[in-house]
Amino acid sequence: GLELACWGDHFEVANADEAYCQAKRATLEKHNLQLFSISAHLVGQ
């Protein structure tokens, strides 16, 4: 599994509507990966 970062182009919180999230999950599934956590520690700094 992976931990996506909320910075750069890993996971853009501002774009996180249902379609965006489904597209991210589809990309992960295509490569037999799962998402277990989202790292937001740099966003709050």
PDB file of N, CA and C in Angstrom:
ATOM      1  N   GLY A   1       0.812  -1.189   0.000  1.00  0.00           N
ATOM      2  CA  GLY A   1       0.000   0.000   0.000  1.00  0.00           C
ATOM      3  C   GLY A   1       0.854   1.251   0.000  1.00  0.00           C
ATOM      4  N   LEU A   2       0.191   2.356  -0.172  1.00  0.00           N
ATOM      5  CA  LEU A   2       0.880   3.642  -0.259  1.00  0.00           C
ATOM      6  C   LEU A   2       0.330   4.654   0.729  1.00  0.00           C
ATOM      7  N   GLU A   3       1.153   5.649   0.987  1.00  0.00           N
ATOM      8  CA  GLU A   3       0.739   6.853   1.693  1.00  0.00           C
ATOM      9  C   GLU A   3       0.945   7.992   0.704  1.00  0.00           C
ATOM     10  N   LEU A   4      -0.138   8.668   0.332  1.00  0.00           N
ATOM     11  CA  LEU A   4      -0.032   9.791  -0.594  1.00  0.00           C
ATOM     12  C   LEU A   4       0.216  11.078   0.170  1.00  0.00           C
ATOM     13  N   ALA A   5       1.056  11.922  -0.383  1.00  0.00           N
ATOM     14  CA  ALA A   5       1.341  13.226   0.211  1.00  0.00           C
ATOM     15  C   ALA A   5       0.369  14.267  -0.344  1.00  0.00           C
ATOM     16  N   CYS A   6      -0.047  15.199   0.498  1.00  0.00           N
ATOM     17  CA  CYS A   6      -0.947  16.291   0.086  1.00  0.00           C
ATOM     18  C   CYS A   6      -0.149  17.503  -0.364  1.00  0.00           C
ATOM     19  N   TRP A   7       0.830  17.295  -1.190  1.00  0.00           N
ATOM     20  CA  TRP A   7       1.616  18.380  -1.774  1.00  0.00           C
ATOM     21  C   TRP A   7       2.137  17.885  -3.110  1.00  0.00           C
ATOM     22  N   GLY A   8       2.600  18.788  -3.925  1.00  0.00           N
ATOM     23  CA  GLY A   8       3.031  18.395  -5.262  1.00  0.00           C
ATOM     24  C   GLY A   8       1.851  17.865  -6.055  1.00  0.00           C
ATOM     25  N   ASP A   9       2.089  16.869  -6.873  1.00  0.00           N
ATOM     26  CA  ASP A   9       0.993  16.311  -7.664  1.00  0.00           C
ATOM     27  C   ASP A   9       0.544  14.947  -7.143  1.00  0.00           C
ATOM     28  N   HIS A  10       0.915  14.601  -5.922  1.00  0.00           N
ATOM     29  CA  HIS A  10       0.530  13.310  -5.359  1.00  0.00           C
ATOM     30  C   HIS A  10      -0.962  13.273  -5.079  1.00  0.00           C
ATOM     31  N   PHE A  11      -1.462  14.238  -4.315  1.00  0.00           N
ATOM     32  CA  PHE A  11      -2.886  14.330  -3.983  1.00  0.00           C
ATOM     33  C   PHE A  11      -3.208  15.787  -3.706  1.00  0.00           C
ATOM     34  N   GLU A  12      -4.024  16.376  -4.552  1.00  0.00           N
ATOM     35  CA  GLU A  12      -4.368  17.792  -4.422  1.00  0.00           C
ATOM     36  C   GLU A  12      -5.715  17.914  -3.716  1.00  0.00           C
ATOM     37  N   VAL A  13      -5.687  18.310  -2.454  1.00  0.00           N
ATOM     38  CA  VAL A  13      -6.880  18.379  -1.620  1.00  0.00           C
ATOM     39  C   VAL A  13      -7.941  19.288  -2.241  1.00  0.00           C
ATOM     40  N   ALA A  14      -7.539  20.384  -2.831  1.00  0.00           N
ATOM     41  CA  ALA A  14      -8.493  21.323  -3.437  1.00  0.00           C
ATOM     42  C   ALA A  14      -9.272  20.693  -4.590  1.00  0.00           C
ATOM     43  N   ASN A  15      -8.724  19.660  -5.204  1.00  0.00           N
ATOM     44  CA  ASN A  15      -9.389  18.983  -6.323  1.00  0.00           C
ATOM     45  C   ASN A  15     -10.082  17.693  -5.905  1.00  0.00           C
ATOM     46  N   ALA A  16     -10.152  17.414  -4.637  1.00  0.00           N
ATOM     47  CA  ALA A  16     -10.579  16.102  -4.152  1.00  0.00           C
ATOM     48  C   ALA A  16     -12.091  15.913  -4.156  1.00  0.00           C
ATOM     49  N   ASP A  17     -12.712  16.098  -5.318  1.00  0.00           N
ATOM     50  CA  ASP A  17     -14.119  15.732  -5.438  1.00  0.00           C
ATOM     51  C   ASP A  17     -14.201  14.231  -5.723  1.00  0.00           C
ATOM     52  N   GLU A  18     -15.406  13.710  -5.846  1.00  0.00           N
ATOM     53  CA  GLU A  18     -15.578  12.262  -6.002  1.00  0.00           C
ATOM     54  C   GLU A  18     -14.864  11.715  -7.238  1.00  0.00           C
ATOM     55  N   ALA A  19     -14.965  12.402  -8.358  1.00  0.00           N
ATOM     56  CA  ALA A  19     -14.340  11.931  -9.599  1.00  0.00           C
ATOM     57  C   ALA A  19     -12.815  11.917  -9.478  1.00  0.00           C
ATOM     58  N   TYR A  20     -12.251  12.940  -8.869  1.00  0.00           N
ATOM     59  CA  TYR A  20     -10.795  13.013  -8.677  1.00  0.00           C
ATOM     60  C   TYR A  20     -10.311  11.843  -7.826  1.00  0.00           C
ATOM     61  N   CYS A  21     -11.006  11.594  -6.734  1.00  0.00           N
ATOM     62  CA  CYS A  21     -10.613  10.505  -5.840  1.00  0.00           C
ATOM     63  C   CYS A  21     -10.754   9.150  -6.521  1.00  0.00           C
ATOM     64  N   GLN A  22     -11.817   8.964  -7.274  1.00  0.00           N
ATOM     65  CA  GLN A  22     -11.997   7.706  -7.999  1.00  0.00           C
ATOM     66  C   GLN A  22     -10.887   7.502  -9.023  1.00  0.00           C
ATOM     67  N   ALA A  23     -10.474   8.566  -9.689  1.00  0.00           N
ATOM     68  CA  ALA A  23      -9.390   8.463 -10.670  1.00  0.00           C
ATOM     69  C   ALA A  23      -8.072   8.084  -9.989  1.00  0.00           C
ATOM     70  N   LYS A  24      -7.800   8.669  -8.825  1.00  0.00           N
ATOM     71  CA  LYS A  24      -6.580   8.318  -8.083  1.00  0.00           C
ATOM     72  C   LYS A  24      -6.606   6.846  -7.678  1.00  0.00           C
ATOM     73  N   ARG A  25      -7.764   6.383  -7.176  1.00  0.00           N
ATOM     74  CA  ARG A  25      -7.881   4.980  -6.760  1.00  0.00           C
ATOM     75  C   ARG A  25      -7.759   4.050  -7.952  1.00  0.00           C
ATOM     76  N   ALA A  26      -8.308   4.430  -9.096  1.00  0.00           N
ATOM     77  CA  ALA A  26      -8.213   3.606 -10.304  1.00  0.00           C
ATOM     78  C   ALA A  26      -6.760   3.459 -10.743  1.00  0.00           C
ATOM     79  N   THR A  27      -6.001   4.545 -10.648  1.00  0.00           N
ATOM     80  CA  THR A  27      -4.580   4.483 -10.999  1.00  0.00           C
ATOM     81  C   THR A  27      -3.843   3.521 -10.073  1.00  0.00           C
ATOM     82  N   LEU A  28      -4.129   3.601  -8.793  1.00  0.00           N
ATOM     83  CA  LEU A  28      -3.492   2.694  -7.841  1.00  0.00           C
ATOM     84  C   LEU A  28      -3.877   1.247  -8.119  1.00  0.00           C
ATOM     85  N   GLU A  29      -5.167   0.995  -8.346  1.00  0.00           N
ATOM     86  CA  GLU A  29      -5.638  -0.364  -8.608  1.00  0.00           C
ATOM     87  C   GLU A  29      -5.014  -0.938  -9.877  1.00  0.00           C
ATOM     88  N   LYS A  30      -4.798  -0.095 -10.872  1.00  0.00           N
ATOM     89  CA  LYS A  30      -4.172  -0.521 -12.127  1.00  0.00           C
ATOM     90  C   LYS A  30      -2.799  -1.139 -11.873  1.00  0.00           C
ATOM     91  N   HIS A  31      -2.131  -0.665 -10.831  1.00  0.00           N
ATOM     92  CA  HIS A  31      -0.791  -1.144 -10.489  1.00  0.00           C
ATOM     93  C   HIS A  31      -0.805  -2.057  -9.254  1.00  0.00           C
ATOM     94  N   ASN A  32      -2.004  -2.577  -8.931  1.00  0.00           N
ATOM     95  CA  ASN A  32      -2.175  -3.493  -7.788  1.00  0.00           C
ATOM     96  C   ASN A  32      -1.712  -2.879  -6.474  1.00  0.00           C
ATOM     97  N   LEU A  33      -2.018  -1.599  -6.282  1.00  0.00           N
ATOM     98  CA  LEU A  33      -1.670  -0.894  -5.049  1.00  0.00           C
ATOM     99  C   LEU A  33      -2.937  -0.454  -4.336  1.00  0.00           C
ATOM    100  N   GLN A  34      -2.818  -0.225  -3.032  1.00  0.00           N
ATOM    101  CA  GLN A  34      -3.918   0.288  -2.228  1.00  0.00           C
ATOM    102  C   GLN A  34      -3.437   1.507  -1.448  1.00  0.00           C
ATOM    103  N   LEU A  35      -4.376   2.376  -1.137  1.00  0.00           N
ATOM    104  CA  LEU A  35      -4.079   3.578  -0.364  1.00  0.00           C
ATOM    105  C   LEU A  35      -4.492   3.351   1.085  1.00  0.00           C
ATOM    106  N   PHE A  36      -3.553   3.518   2.008  1.00  0.00           N
ATOM    107  CA  PHE A  36      -3.834   3.301   3.418  1.00  0.00           C
ATOM    108  C   PHE A  36      -3.788   4.577   4.250  1.00  0.00           C
ATOM    109  N   SER A  37      -3.129   5.603   3.749  1.00  0.00           N
ATOM    110  CA  SER A  37      -3.078   6.856   4.503  1.00  0.00           C
ATOM    111  C   SER A  37      -2.741   8.021   3.579  1.00  0.00           C
ATOM    112  N   ILE A  38      -3.067   9.208   4.078  1.00  0.00           N
ATOM    113  CA  ILE A  38      -2.763  10.442   3.359  1.00  0.00           C
ATOM    114  C   ILE A  38      -1.942  11.321   4.298  1.00  0.00           C
ATOM    115  N   SER A  39      -0.797  11.760   3.836  1.00  0.00           N
ATOM    116  CA  SER A  39       0.095  12.590   4.639  1.00  0.00           C
ATOM    117  C   SER A  39      -0.194  14.065   4.368  1.00  0.00           C
ATOM    118  N   ALA A  40      -0.536  14.796   5.416  1.00  0.00           N
ATOM    119  CA  ALA A  40      -0.854  16.216   5.263  1.00  0.00           C
ATOM    120  C   ALA A  40       0.053  17.100   6.117  1.00  0.00           C
ATOM    121  N   HIS A  41       1.176  16.575   6.569  1.00  0.00           N
ATOM    122  CA  HIS A  41       2.000  17.336   7.508  1.00  0.00           C
ATOM    123  C   HIS A  41       2.594  18.605   6.897  1.00  0.00           C
ATOM    124  N   LEU A  42       2.886  18.639   5.608  1.00  0.00           N
ATOM    125  CA  LEU A  42       3.445  19.857   5.012  1.00  0.00           C
ATOM    126  C   LEU A  42       2.374  20.899   4.700  1.00  0.00           C
ATOM    127  N   VAL A  43       1.140  20.464   4.520  1.00  0.00           N
ATOM    128  CA  VAL A  43       0.051  21.391   4.194  1.00  0.00           C
ATOM    129  C   VAL A  43      -0.183  22.374   5.332  1.00  0.00           C
ATOM    130  N   GLY A  44      -0.060  21.915   6.563  1.00  0.00           N
ATOM    131  CA  GLY A  44      -0.320  22.756   7.721  1.00  0.00           C
ATOM    132  C   GLY A  44       0.832  23.661   8.113  1.00  0.00           C
ATOM    133  N   GLN A  45       1.953  23.576   7.437  1.00  0.00           N
ATOM    134  CA  GLN A  45       3.107  24.390   7.817  1.00  0.00           C
ATOM    135  C   GLN A  45       3.085  25.732   7.148  1.00  0.00           C
TER     136      GLN A  45
END
